[in-house]
Amino acid sequence: MIKILALVMVIGGAISLVIGIMGVFGSMSTGVSPWALAILGGIFFLSGISLLKYRKDTDVIDAENKN
């Protein structure tokens, strides 16, 4: 479950980061501030990557506790 949440955060963060950066440099117009999209995209992308790297999945934790 944690890996799925991390993957959603990485994908959503990457999309938001790309749209935000494109909006900052003027090649794309959205209804919200491009700086907000870029900053939130960066935060979600980095936190999703760190969850993928350092957290064990709930299935692995359950298997370790049974032994």
C-alpha atoms as a PDB file:
ATOM      1  CA  MET A   1       0.000   0.000   0.000  1.00  0.00           C
ATOM      2  CA  ILE A   2       2.838   2.382   0.791  1.00  0.00           C
ATOM      3  CA  LYS A   3       4.490   1.674  -2.562  1.00  0.00           C
ATOM      4  CA  ILE A   4       1.257   2.467  -4.412  1.00  0.00           C
ATOM      5  CA  LEU A   5       0.901   5.777  -2.582  1.00  0.00           C
ATOM      6  CA  ALA A   6       4.539   6.599  -3.315  1.00  0.00           C
ATOM      7  CA  LEU A   7       4.092   5.794  -6.998  1.00  0.00           C
ATOM      8  CA  VAL A   8       1.011   8.027  -7.212  1.00  0.00           C
ATOM      9  CA  MET A   9       2.952  10.829  -5.518  1.00  0.00           C
ATOM     10  CA  VAL A  10       5.877  10.453  -7.925  1.00  0.00           C
ATOM     11  CA  ILE A  11       3.694  10.460 -11.036  1.00  0.00           C
ATOM     12  CA  GLY A  12       1.486  13.318  -9.834  1.00  0.00           C
ATOM     13  CA  GLY A  13       4.493  15.324  -8.707  1.00  0.00           C
ATOM     14  CA  ALA A  14       6.276  14.826 -12.015  1.00  0.00           C
ATOM     15  CA  ILE A  15       3.234  15.941 -14.007  1.00  0.00           C
ATOM     16  CA  SER A  16       2.717  18.970 -11.800  1.00  0.00           C
ATOM     17  CA  LEU A  17       6.412  19.850 -11.931  1.00  0.00           C
ATOM     18  CA  VAL A  18       6.506  19.693 -15.737  1.00  0.00           C
ATOM     19  CA  ILE A  19       3.340  21.779 -16.129  1.00  0.00           C
ATOM     20  CA  GLY A  20       4.610  24.284 -13.561  1.00  0.00           C
ATOM     21  CA  ILE A  21       8.002  24.691 -15.203  1.00  0.00           C
ATOM     22  CA  MET A  22       6.407  25.065 -18.624  1.00  0.00           C
ATOM     23  CA  GLY A  23       4.102  27.722 -17.179  1.00  0.00           C
ATOM     24  CA  VAL A  24       6.987  29.604 -15.548  1.00  0.00           C
ATOM     25  CA  PHE A  25       8.817  29.884 -18.860  1.00  0.00           C
ATOM     26  CA  GLY A  26       5.657  30.942 -20.683  1.00  0.00           C
ATOM     27  CA  SER A  27       5.039  28.060 -23.068  1.00  0.00           C
ATOM     28  CA  MET A  28       1.876  26.882 -21.303  1.00  0.00           C
ATOM     29  CA  SER A  29      -0.963  28.698 -19.587  1.00  0.00           C
ATOM     30  CA  THR A  30      -2.996  27.182 -16.755  1.00  0.00           C
ATOM     31  CA  GLY A  31      -5.636  28.641 -14.486  1.00  0.00           C
ATOM     32  CA  VAL A  32      -3.395  28.578 -11.421  1.00  0.00           C
ATOM     33  CA  SER A  33      -0.023  30.047 -10.566  1.00  0.00           C
ATOM     34  CA  PRO A  34       2.774  28.168 -12.340  1.00  0.00           C
ATOM     35  CA  TRP A  35       5.089  28.742  -9.374  1.00  0.00           C
ATOM     36  CA  ALA A  36       2.645  26.957  -7.077  1.00  0.00           C
ATOM     37  CA  LEU A  37       2.496  23.989  -9.453  1.00  0.00           C
ATOM     38  CA  ALA A  38       6.279  23.840  -9.737  1.00  0.00           C
ATOM     39  CA  ILE A  39       6.858  24.021  -5.977  1.00  0.00           C
ATOM     40  CA  LEU A  40       4.153  21.508  -5.066  1.00  0.00           C
ATOM     41  CA  GLY A  41       5.248  19.217  -7.895  1.00  0.00           C
ATOM     42  CA  GLY A  42       8.805  19.271  -6.573  1.00  0.00           C
ATOM     43  CA  ILE A  43       7.683  18.525  -3.031  1.00  0.00           C
ATOM     44  CA  PHE A  44       5.432  15.634  -4.070  1.00  0.00           C
ATOM     45  CA  PHE A  45       8.042  14.216  -6.462  1.00  0.00           C
ATOM     46  CA  LEU A  46      10.833  14.229  -3.879  1.00  0.00           C
ATOM     47  CA  SER A  47       8.656  12.831  -1.098  1.00  0.00           C
ATOM     48  CA  GLY A  48       7.384  10.050  -3.373  1.00  0.00           C
ATOM     49  CA  ILE A  49      10.926   9.120  -4.372  1.00  0.00           C
ATOM     50  CA  SER A  50      12.026   9.015  -0.738  1.00  0.00           C
ATOM     51  CA  LEU A  51       9.058   6.810   0.167  1.00  0.00           C
ATOM     52  CA  LEU A  52       9.971   4.408  -2.615  1.00  0.00           C
ATOM     53  CA  LYS A  53      13.601   4.252  -1.520  1.00  0.00           C
ATOM     54  CA  TYR A  54      13.368   4.026   2.255  1.00  0.00           C
ATOM     55  CA  ARG A  55      10.007   2.494   3.229  1.00  0.00           C
ATOM     56  CA  LYS A  56       9.173  -1.170   3.289  1.00  0.00           C
ATOM     57  CA  ASP A  57       5.835  -2.234   1.881  1.00  0.00           C
ATOM     58  CA  THR A  58       3.129  -3.379   4.298  1.00  0.00           C
ATOM     59  CA  ASP A  59       3.250  -6.941   2.921  1.00  0.00           C
ATOM     60  CA  VAL A  60       6.955  -7.180   3.727  1.00  0.00           C
ATOM     61  CA  ILE A  61       6.380  -5.877   7.250  1.00  0.00           C
ATOM     62  CA  ASP A  62       3.601  -8.405   7.857  1.00  0.00           C
ATOM     63  CA  ALA A  63       5.801 -11.255   6.607  1.00  0.00           C
ATOM     64  CA  GLU A  64       8.676 -10.184   8.878  1.00  0.00           C
ATOM     65  CA  ASN A  65       6.411  -9.991  11.927  1.00  0.00           C
ATOM     66  CA  LYS A  66       5.108 -13.547  11.398  1.00  0.00           C
ATOM     67  CA  ASN A  67       8.596 -15.045  11.648  1.00  0.00           C
END
